[in-house]
Amino acid sequence: MVKTLILVRHGQAEPSSAAVPDIERSLTDAGRAALAGPQGFPRTFALLSSDERREAALWASEALRARQTAQEVAAVLGERTITSYSYLFDQDEQRFIEHVRQTDADCLIVVGHIPFVDRVTEYLTGSRLSFRPGAAAALRLDHSLGPCQSEVIWFVQGPAV
């Protein structure tokens, strides 16, 4: 079962447009650079233990901007498989919680969207956090994954763009 869950909001994305479906919106060049820069993911993921950095599973929403953000996470942690799930784009919290219950990884990093990351954090910990683009929260999970049974280990606000 997952012991440490890290919820990440995707980086700064291109604005919504009628010409581009939401799922195909990409990160801005500045957003991607901020995630890769010294105040971005290198600083955030330095908070993980060496075991967590080496063994963490990495999931992302199917949205392009979330997958690109997950690529930036992998660039810091070392290459690994990024698994995408439609329910993360659909923001289905219950399906997500059930999937986490069935996952064997000790450490799981999940790149998603707001309000999903806000709501999952509040459900699991009772804490309200405000995720800017590129923000990440590490949660120590209670085995039940019930409401308000887990705790926030750390929270790093997203880098300035």
N, C-alpha and C. Protein backbone atom coordinates (compact mmCIF):
# COMPACT_ATOMS: atom_id res chain seq x y z
N MET A 1 0.82 -1.19 0.00
CA MET A 1 0.00 0.00 0.00
C MET A 1 0.87 1.25 0.00
N VAL A 2 0.36 2.29 -0.61
CA VAL A 2 1.07 3.56 -0.69
C VAL A 2 1.19 4.16 0.71
N LYS A 3 2.41 4.54 1.08
CA LYS A 3 2.65 5.19 2.37
C LYS A 3 2.78 6.70 2.21
N THR A 4 3.40 7.12 1.10
CA THR A 4 3.58 8.54 0.82
C THR A 4 2.95 8.85 -0.53
N LEU A 5 2.03 9.80 -0.51
CA LEU A 5 1.37 10.27 -1.73
C LEU A 5 1.78 11.71 -1.95
N ILE A 6 2.28 11.99 -3.15
CA ILE A 6 2.64 13.37 -3.49
C ILE A 6 1.70 13.82 -4.60
N LEU A 7 0.90 14.82 -4.28
CA LEU A 7 -0.03 15.39 -5.25
C LEU A 7 0.61 16.64 -5.84
N VAL A 8 0.61 16.72 -7.17
CA VAL A 8 1.25 17.82 -7.88
C VAL A 8 0.23 18.44 -8.83
N ARG A 9 0.12 19.76 -8.79
CA ARG A 9 -0.68 20.45 -9.80
C ARG A 9 0.21 20.69 -11.01
N HIS A 10 -0.32 20.47 -12.20
CA HIS A 10 0.47 20.70 -13.41
C HIS A 10 0.99 22.13 -13.45
N GLY A 11 2.03 22.34 -14.25
CA GLY A 11 2.62 23.67 -14.38
C GLY A 11 1.74 24.62 -15.18
N GLN A 12 2.24 25.84 -15.34
CA GLN A 12 1.48 26.88 -16.04
C GLN A 12 1.18 26.43 -17.47
N ALA A 13 -0.09 26.45 -17.83
CA ALA A 13 -0.54 25.97 -19.14
C ALA A 13 -0.96 27.12 -20.03
N GLU A 14 -1.00 26.82 -21.32
CA GLU A 14 -1.55 27.78 -22.29
C GLU A 14 -2.99 28.08 -21.89
N PRO A 15 -3.46 29.30 -22.16
CA PRO A 15 -4.84 29.63 -21.80
C PRO A 15 -5.85 28.79 -22.59
N SER A 16 -7.03 28.67 -22.02
CA SER A 16 -8.11 27.96 -22.71
C SER A 16 -8.43 28.68 -24.02
N SER A 17 -8.79 27.88 -25.01
CA SER A 17 -9.10 28.43 -26.33
C SER A 17 -10.11 27.52 -27.00
N ALA A 18 -11.03 28.11 -27.74
CA ALA A 18 -12.01 27.32 -28.49
C ALA A 18 -11.32 26.49 -29.57
N ALA A 19 -10.14 26.91 -30.00
CA ALA A 19 -9.42 26.23 -31.08
C ALA A 19 -8.69 24.97 -30.61
N VAL A 20 -8.44 24.86 -29.30
CA VAL A 20 -7.67 23.73 -28.77
C VAL A 20 -8.49 23.04 -27.69
N PRO A 21 -8.77 21.74 -27.85
CA PRO A 21 -9.49 21.02 -26.78
C PRO A 21 -8.70 21.10 -25.47
N ASP A 22 -9.42 21.18 -24.36
CA ASP A 22 -8.79 21.34 -23.05
C ASP A 22 -7.73 20.27 -22.80
N ILE A 23 -8.00 19.03 -23.18
CA ILE A 23 -7.07 17.93 -22.91
C ILE A 23 -5.76 18.10 -23.67
N GLU A 24 -5.75 18.92 -24.73
CA GLU A 24 -4.56 19.11 -25.56
C GLU A 24 -3.79 20.39 -25.24
N ARG A 25 -4.24 21.14 -24.24
CA ARG A 25 -3.49 22.35 -23.85
C ARG A 25 -2.13 21.94 -23.29
N SER A 26 -1.09 22.65 -23.70
CA SER A 26 0.26 22.31 -23.26
C SER A 26 0.77 23.31 -22.23
N LEU A 27 1.89 22.98 -21.62
CA LEU A 27 2.57 23.93 -20.74
C LEU A 27 3.12 25.08 -21.58
N THR A 28 3.18 26.25 -20.98
CA THR A 28 3.87 27.36 -21.65
C THR A 28 5.38 27.09 -21.55
N ASP A 29 6.13 27.73 -22.42
CA ASP A 29 7.59 27.60 -22.34
C ASP A 29 8.09 28.10 -20.99
N ALA A 30 7.52 29.22 -20.52
CA ALA A 30 7.92 29.77 -19.22
C ALA A 30 7.53 28.83 -18.09
N GLY A 31 6.36 28.21 -18.20
CA GLY A 31 5.92 27.26 -17.18
C GLY A 31 6.84 26.06 -17.09
N ARG A 32 7.22 25.54 -18.24
CA ARG A 32 8.13 24.38 -18.26
C ARG A 32 9.50 24.76 -17.70
N ALA A 33 9.99 25.94 -18.06
CA ALA A 33 11.29 26.40 -17.56
C ALA A 33 11.25 26.60 -16.05
N ALA A 34 10.13 27.11 -15.53
CA ALA A 34 10.02 27.31 -14.07
C ALA A 34 10.05 25.98 -13.33
N LEU A 35 9.40 24.97 -13.87
CA LEU A 35 9.40 23.65 -13.22
C LEU A 35 10.81 23.05 -13.20
N ALA A 36 11.55 23.25 -14.28
CA ALA A 36 12.90 22.67 -14.39
C ALA A 36 13.96 23.50 -13.67
N GLY A 37 13.65 24.76 -13.37
CA GLY A 37 14.62 25.66 -12.76
C GLY A 37 14.88 25.35 -11.30
N PRO A 38 15.87 26.01 -10.70
CA PRO A 38 16.29 25.70 -9.34
C PRO A 38 15.21 25.90 -8.28
N GLN A 39 14.25 26.78 -8.52
CA GLN A 39 13.16 26.97 -7.56
C GLN A 39 11.96 26.09 -7.87
N GLY A 40 12.09 25.22 -8.86
CA GLY A 40 11.01 24.33 -9.26
C GLY A 40 11.19 22.92 -8.70
N PHE A 41 11.05 21.93 -9.56
CA PHE A 41 11.06 20.54 -9.11
C PHE A 41 12.39 20.07 -8.52
N PRO A 42 13.55 20.58 -8.94
CA PRO A 42 14.77 20.15 -8.23
C PRO A 42 14.69 20.46 -6.73
N ARG A 43 14.16 21.61 -6.37
CA ARG A 43 14.01 21.99 -4.95
C ARG A 43 12.92 21.14 -4.29
N THR A 44 11.79 20.99 -4.97
CA THR A 44 10.66 20.24 -4.39
C THR A 44 11.03 18.79 -4.11
N PHE A 45 11.55 18.10 -5.11
CA PHE A 45 11.76 16.66 -4.96
C PHE A 45 13.06 16.31 -4.25
N ALA A 46 13.86 17.31 -3.89
CA ALA A 46 15.00 17.08 -3.00
C ALA A 46 14.50 16.71 -1.60
N LEU A 47 13.24 16.98 -1.31
CA LEU A 47 12.65 16.64 0.00
C LEU A 47 12.38 15.15 0.16
N LEU A 48 12.42 14.40 -0.93
CA LEU A 48 12.19 12.96 -0.86
C LEU A 48 13.46 12.24 -0.40
N SER A 49 13.27 11.11 0.27
CA SER A 49 14.41 10.27 0.62
C SER A 49 14.98 9.65 -0.66
N SER A 50 16.19 9.14 -0.58
CA SER A 50 16.78 8.51 -1.76
C SER A 50 15.95 7.31 -2.22
N ASP A 51 15.40 6.54 -1.28
CA ASP A 51 14.53 5.41 -1.65
C ASP A 51 13.28 5.89 -2.36
N GLU A 52 12.66 6.95 -1.84
CA GLU A 52 11.45 7.48 -2.48
C GLU A 52 11.76 8.00 -3.87
N ARG A 53 12.87 8.70 -4.02
CA ARG A 53 13.27 9.22 -5.34
C ARG A 53 13.48 8.08 -6.33
N ARG A 54 14.09 7.02 -5.88
CA ARG A 54 14.42 5.90 -6.76
C ARG A 54 13.19 5.07 -7.11
N GLU A 55 12.30 4.87 -6.16
CA GLU A 55 11.23 3.88 -6.33
C GLU A 55 9.84 4.45 -6.59
N ALA A 56 9.69 5.76 -6.56
CA ALA A 56 8.35 6.35 -6.70
C ALA A 56 7.70 5.99 -8.03
N ALA A 57 6.43 5.62 -7.95
CA ALA A 57 5.61 5.45 -9.15
C ALA A 57 5.11 6.83 -9.55
N LEU A 58 4.89 7.03 -10.84
CA LEU A 58 4.50 8.34 -11.35
C LEU A 58 3.26 8.21 -12.24
N TRP A 59 2.18 8.84 -11.79
CA TRP A 59 0.92 8.86 -12.53
C TRP A 59 0.62 10.28 -12.97
N ALA A 60 -0.15 10.39 -14.06
CA ALA A 60 -0.56 11.72 -14.53
C ALA A 60 -1.93 11.63 -15.18
N SER A 61 -2.60 12.75 -15.16
CA SER A 61 -3.82 12.91 -15.94
C SER A 61 -3.47 12.71 -17.41
N GLU A 62 -4.46 12.38 -18.21
CA GLU A 62 -4.23 12.23 -19.65
C GLU A 62 -4.03 13.56 -20.37
N ALA A 63 -4.31 14.66 -19.70
CA ALA A 63 -4.12 15.97 -20.33
C ALA A 63 -2.65 16.19 -20.66
N LEU A 64 -2.39 16.78 -21.81
CA LEU A 64 -1.02 17.01 -22.26
C LEU A 64 -0.21 17.78 -21.22
N ARG A 65 -0.78 18.83 -20.64
CA ARG A 65 -0.04 19.65 -19.67
C ARG A 65 0.35 18.86 -18.44
N ALA A 66 -0.48 17.91 -18.02
CA ALA A 66 -0.15 17.06 -16.87
C ALA A 66 0.95 16.06 -17.24
N ARG A 67 0.87 15.49 -18.43
CA ARG A 67 1.92 14.56 -18.87
C ARG A 67 3.25 15.27 -19.04
N GLN A 68 3.22 16.51 -19.55
CA GLN A 68 4.46 17.29 -19.67
C GLN A 68 5.03 17.61 -18.29
N THR A 69 4.17 17.92 -17.34
CA THR A 69 4.63 18.17 -15.97
C THR A 69 5.25 16.91 -15.39
N ALA A 70 4.62 15.76 -15.62
CA ALA A 70 5.18 14.49 -15.14
C ALA A 70 6.54 14.22 -15.78
N GLN A 71 6.73 14.62 -17.02
CA GLN A 71 8.05 14.47 -17.66
C GLN A 71 9.10 15.30 -16.93
N GLU A 72 8.71 16.47 -16.46
CA GLU A 72 9.64 17.32 -15.69
C GLU A 72 9.97 16.68 -14.34
N VAL A 73 8.98 16.03 -13.72
CA VAL A 73 9.24 15.29 -12.48
C VAL A 73 10.24 14.17 -12.76
N ALA A 74 9.99 13.41 -13.82
CA ALA A 74 10.88 12.29 -14.17
C ALA A 74 12.29 12.78 -14.49
N ALA A 75 12.41 13.96 -15.08
CA ALA A 75 13.74 14.50 -15.39
C ALA A 75 14.54 14.75 -14.11
N VAL A 76 13.86 15.08 -13.03
CA VAL A 76 14.53 15.33 -11.75
C VAL A 76 14.81 14.03 -11.01
N LEU A 77 13.85 13.11 -11.03
CA LEU A 77 13.97 11.87 -10.25
C LEU A 77 14.74 10.78 -10.96
N GLY A 78 14.85 10.88 -12.26
CA GLY A 78 15.42 9.80 -13.06
C GLY A 78 14.30 9.20 -13.89
N GLU A 79 14.63 8.82 -15.08
CA GLU A 79 13.61 8.33 -16.01
C GLU A 79 12.83 7.17 -15.42
N ARG A 80 11.55 7.19 -15.70
CA ARG A 80 10.64 6.13 -15.25
C ARG A 80 9.38 6.19 -16.09
N THR A 81 8.60 5.15 -16.00
CA THR A 81 7.34 5.09 -16.71
C THR A 81 6.35 6.07 -16.10
N ILE A 82 5.67 6.80 -16.95
CA ILE A 82 4.59 7.68 -16.53
C ILE A 82 3.30 7.02 -16.98
N THR A 83 2.44 6.71 -16.03
CA THR A 83 1.17 6.06 -16.34
C THR A 83 0.06 7.10 -16.27
N SER A 84 -0.71 7.21 -17.36
CA SER A 84 -1.79 8.20 -17.43
C SER A 84 -3.14 7.53 -17.22
N TYR A 85 -4.02 8.24 -16.52
CA TYR A 85 -5.36 7.73 -16.24
C TYR A 85 -6.40 8.79 -16.57
N SER A 86 -7.45 8.38 -17.27
CA SER A 86 -8.52 9.31 -17.66
C SER A 86 -9.26 9.84 -16.44
N TYR A 87 -9.39 9.04 -15.39
CA TYR A 87 -10.14 9.51 -14.22
C TYR A 87 -9.44 10.67 -13.51
N LEU A 88 -8.14 10.85 -13.74
CA LEU A 88 -7.46 12.01 -13.18
C LEU A 88 -7.86 13.28 -13.93
N PHE A 89 -8.01 13.18 -15.24
CA PHE A 89 -8.51 14.33 -16.01
C PHE A 89 -9.97 14.59 -15.68
N ASP A 90 -10.73 13.52 -15.49
CA ASP A 90 -12.16 13.65 -15.14
C ASP A 90 -12.36 14.07 -13.69
N GLN A 91 -11.30 14.06 -12.90
CA GLN A 91 -11.31 14.47 -11.50
C GLN A 91 -12.26 13.60 -10.65
N ASP A 92 -12.15 12.31 -10.85
CA ASP A 92 -12.98 11.34 -10.11
C ASP A 92 -12.22 10.90 -8.86
N GLU A 93 -12.47 11.61 -7.75
CA GLU A 93 -11.73 11.37 -6.51
C GLU A 93 -11.95 9.95 -5.97
N GLN A 94 -13.17 9.46 -6.02
CA GLN A 94 -13.46 8.13 -5.46
C GLN A 94 -12.72 7.03 -6.23
N ARG A 95 -12.73 7.13 -7.54
CA ARG A 95 -12.01 6.13 -8.34
C ARG A 95 -10.51 6.20 -8.04
N PHE A 96 -10.00 7.41 -7.88
CA PHE A 96 -8.59 7.60 -7.54
C PHE A 96 -8.26 6.94 -6.21
N ILE A 97 -9.05 7.20 -5.17
CA ILE A 97 -8.81 6.63 -3.84
C ILE A 97 -8.83 5.10 -3.92
N GLU A 98 -9.77 4.55 -4.65
CA GLU A 98 -9.84 3.09 -4.80
C GLU A 98 -8.58 2.55 -5.49
N HIS A 99 -8.10 3.25 -6.50
CA HIS A 99 -6.90 2.80 -7.22
C HIS A 99 -5.67 2.88 -6.31
N VAL A 100 -5.58 3.95 -5.51
CA VAL A 100 -4.46 4.07 -4.57
C VAL A 100 -4.48 2.91 -3.58
N ARG A 101 -5.66 2.52 -3.12
CA ARG A 101 -5.78 1.38 -2.19
C ARG A 101 -5.19 0.10 -2.78
N GLN A 102 -5.27 -0.04 -4.08
CA GLN A 102 -4.84 -1.27 -4.75
C GLN A 102 -3.39 -1.21 -5.25
N THR A 103 -2.71 -0.11 -4.98
CA THR A 103 -1.37 0.11 -5.52
C THR A 103 -0.30 -0.35 -4.53
N ASP A 104 0.71 -1.02 -5.04
CA ASP A 104 1.77 -1.57 -4.19
C ASP A 104 2.92 -0.61 -3.92
N ALA A 105 3.07 0.43 -4.71
CA ALA A 105 4.21 1.35 -4.54
C ALA A 105 4.18 1.99 -3.16
N ASP A 106 5.34 2.11 -2.52
CA ASP A 106 5.42 2.81 -1.23
C ASP A 106 5.24 4.31 -1.40
N CYS A 107 5.74 4.83 -2.51
CA CYS A 107 5.66 6.27 -2.80
C CYS A 107 5.02 6.46 -4.17
N LEU A 108 4.01 7.31 -4.22
CA LEU A 108 3.27 7.56 -5.45
C LEU A 108 3.19 9.06 -5.69
N ILE A 109 3.61 9.48 -6.88
CA ILE A 109 3.52 10.88 -7.29
C ILE A 109 2.44 10.97 -8.35
N VAL A 110 1.49 11.89 -8.15
CA VAL A 110 0.35 12.03 -9.05
C VAL A 110 0.25 13.47 -9.52
N VAL A 111 0.28 13.67 -10.84
CA VAL A 111 0.14 15.00 -11.42
C VAL A 111 -1.28 15.16 -11.92
N GLY A 112 -1.97 16.16 -11.38
CA GLY A 112 -3.35 16.40 -11.75
C GLY A 112 -3.68 17.88 -11.83
N HIS A 113 -4.93 18.17 -11.58
CA HIS A 113 -5.51 19.49 -11.81
C HIS A 113 -6.19 19.99 -10.53
N ILE A 114 -6.51 21.29 -10.54
CA ILE A 114 -7.41 21.79 -9.51
C ILE A 114 -8.81 21.75 -10.11
N PRO A 115 -9.82 21.51 -9.36
CA PRO A 115 -9.83 21.39 -7.91
C PRO A 115 -9.49 20.00 -7.37
N PHE A 116 -9.18 19.04 -8.24
CA PHE A 116 -8.93 17.66 -7.81
C PHE A 116 -7.88 17.57 -6.70
N VAL A 117 -6.68 18.16 -6.92
CA VAL A 117 -5.62 18.03 -5.91
C VAL A 117 -6.02 18.71 -4.60
N ASP A 118 -6.74 19.83 -4.70
CA ASP A 118 -7.24 20.51 -3.50
C ASP A 118 -8.20 19.61 -2.73
N ARG A 119 -9.15 19.04 -3.45
CA ARG A 119 -10.20 18.23 -2.80
C ARG A 119 -9.65 16.94 -2.21
N VAL A 120 -8.75 16.27 -2.92
CA VAL A 120 -8.17 15.03 -2.39
C VAL A 120 -7.35 15.32 -1.13
N THR A 121 -6.57 16.40 -1.17
CA THR A 121 -5.78 16.77 0.02
C THR A 121 -6.70 17.05 1.20
N GLU A 122 -7.74 17.82 0.97
CA GLU A 122 -8.65 18.16 2.08
C GLU A 122 -9.38 16.91 2.59
N TYR A 123 -9.81 16.04 1.69
CA TYR A 123 -10.50 14.82 2.11
C TYR A 123 -9.59 13.95 2.98
N LEU A 124 -8.36 13.73 2.53
CA LEU A 124 -7.47 12.82 3.24
C LEU A 124 -6.91 13.40 4.53
N THR A 125 -6.68 14.72 4.57
CA THR A 125 -5.99 15.32 5.72
C THR A 125 -6.82 16.30 6.53
N GLY A 126 -7.87 16.82 5.94
CA GLY A 126 -8.63 17.88 6.60
C GLY A 126 -8.00 19.24 6.42
N SER A 127 -6.87 19.32 5.73
CA SER A 127 -6.15 20.58 5.52
C SER A 127 -6.51 21.16 4.15
N ARG A 128 -6.74 22.46 4.15
CA ARG A 128 -6.99 23.16 2.89
C ARG A 128 -5.70 23.80 2.42
N LEU A 129 -5.23 23.37 1.27
CA LEU A 129 -4.03 23.95 0.66
C LEU A 129 -4.44 24.57 -0.66
N SER A 130 -3.75 25.60 -1.06
CA SER A 130 -4.03 26.28 -2.32
C SER A 130 -2.88 26.02 -3.28
N PHE A 131 -3.09 25.12 -4.21
CA PHE A 131 -2.06 24.70 -5.15
C PHE A 131 -1.97 25.68 -6.33
N ARG A 132 -0.87 26.42 -6.43
CA ARG A 132 -0.59 27.18 -7.64
C ARG A 132 0.01 26.20 -8.66
N PRO A 133 0.11 26.61 -9.94
CA PRO A 133 0.74 25.72 -10.91
C PRO A 133 2.13 25.26 -10.44
N GLY A 134 2.36 23.95 -10.50
CA GLY A 134 3.64 23.38 -10.09
C GLY A 134 3.79 23.10 -8.61
N ALA A 135 2.75 23.37 -7.81
CA ALA A 135 2.81 23.10 -6.37
C ALA A 135 2.73 21.61 -6.11
N ALA A 136 3.28 21.18 -4.96
CA ALA A 136 3.26 19.77 -4.59
C ALA A 136 3.07 19.63 -3.08
N ALA A 137 2.27 18.63 -2.71
CA ALA A 137 2.05 18.30 -1.29
C ALA A 137 2.34 16.83 -1.09
N ALA A 138 3.14 16.53 -0.08
CA ALA A 138 3.42 15.14 0.29
C ALA A 138 2.55 14.79 1.49
N LEU A 139 1.84 13.67 1.38
CA LEU A 139 0.95 13.22 2.44
C LEU A 139 1.41 11.87 2.96
N ARG A 140 1.41 11.72 4.27
CA ARG A 140 1.64 10.42 4.90
C ARG A 140 0.27 9.78 5.04
N LEU A 141 0.06 8.67 4.34
CA LEU A 141 -1.27 8.08 4.26
C LEU A 141 -1.54 7.12 5.40
N ASP A 142 -2.73 7.22 5.92
CA ASP A 142 -3.26 6.24 6.86
C ASP A 142 -3.74 5.06 6.01
N HIS A 143 -3.62 3.85 6.52
CA HIS A 143 -3.98 2.67 5.73
C HIS A 143 -5.45 2.67 5.30
N SER A 144 -6.32 3.34 6.02
CA SER A 144 -7.75 3.32 5.67
C SER A 144 -8.08 4.25 4.51
N LEU A 145 -7.24 5.25 4.29
CA LEU A 145 -7.51 6.30 3.30
C LEU A 145 -8.86 6.96 3.55
N GLY A 146 -9.26 6.99 4.81
CA GLY A 146 -10.52 7.62 5.19
C GLY A 146 -10.37 9.12 5.34
N PRO A 147 -11.49 9.81 5.53
CA PRO A 147 -11.44 11.26 5.66
C PRO A 147 -10.65 11.70 6.89
N CYS A 148 -9.79 12.67 6.67
CA CYS A 148 -9.01 13.32 7.74
C CYS A 148 -8.14 12.34 8.54
N GLN A 149 -7.70 11.25 7.93
CA GLN A 149 -6.89 10.26 8.64
C GLN A 149 -5.41 10.32 8.26
N SER A 150 -5.06 11.11 7.25
CA SER A 150 -3.68 11.22 6.80
C SER A 150 -3.14 12.59 7.20
N GLU A 151 -1.82 12.80 6.99
CA GLU A 151 -1.25 14.09 7.38
C GLU A 151 -0.36 14.65 6.29
N VAL A 152 -0.30 15.98 6.26
CA VAL A 152 0.60 16.67 5.33
C VAL A 152 2.01 16.60 5.91
N ILE A 153 2.95 16.07 5.12
CA ILE A 153 4.36 16.02 5.53
C ILE A 153 5.03 17.34 5.14
N TRP A 154 4.82 17.73 3.90
CA TRP A 154 5.34 19.01 3.42
C TRP A 154 4.49 19.51 2.27
N PHE A 155 4.58 20.82 2.05
CA PHE A 155 3.88 21.47 0.94
C PHE A 155 4.83 22.50 0.36
N VAL A 156 5.04 22.44 -0.96
CA VAL A 156 5.89 23.41 -1.65
C VAL A 156 5.04 24.09 -2.71
N GLN A 157 4.92 25.41 -2.58
CA GLN A 157 4.14 26.16 -3.55
C GLN A 157 4.87 26.14 -4.89
N GLY A 158 4.12 26.24 -5.98
CA GLY A 158 4.70 26.21 -7.31
C GLY A 158 5.63 27.39 -7.55
N PRO A 159 6.59 27.23 -8.45
CA PRO A 159 7.57 28.29 -8.71
C PRO A 159 6.93 29.48 -9.42
N ALA A 160 7.49 30.65 -9.19
CA ALA A 160 7.04 31.85 -9.90
C ALA A 160 7.39 31.71 -11.38
N VAL A 161 6.50 32.21 -12.21
CA VAL A 161 6.72 32.16 -13.66
C VAL A 161 6.88 33.56 -14.19
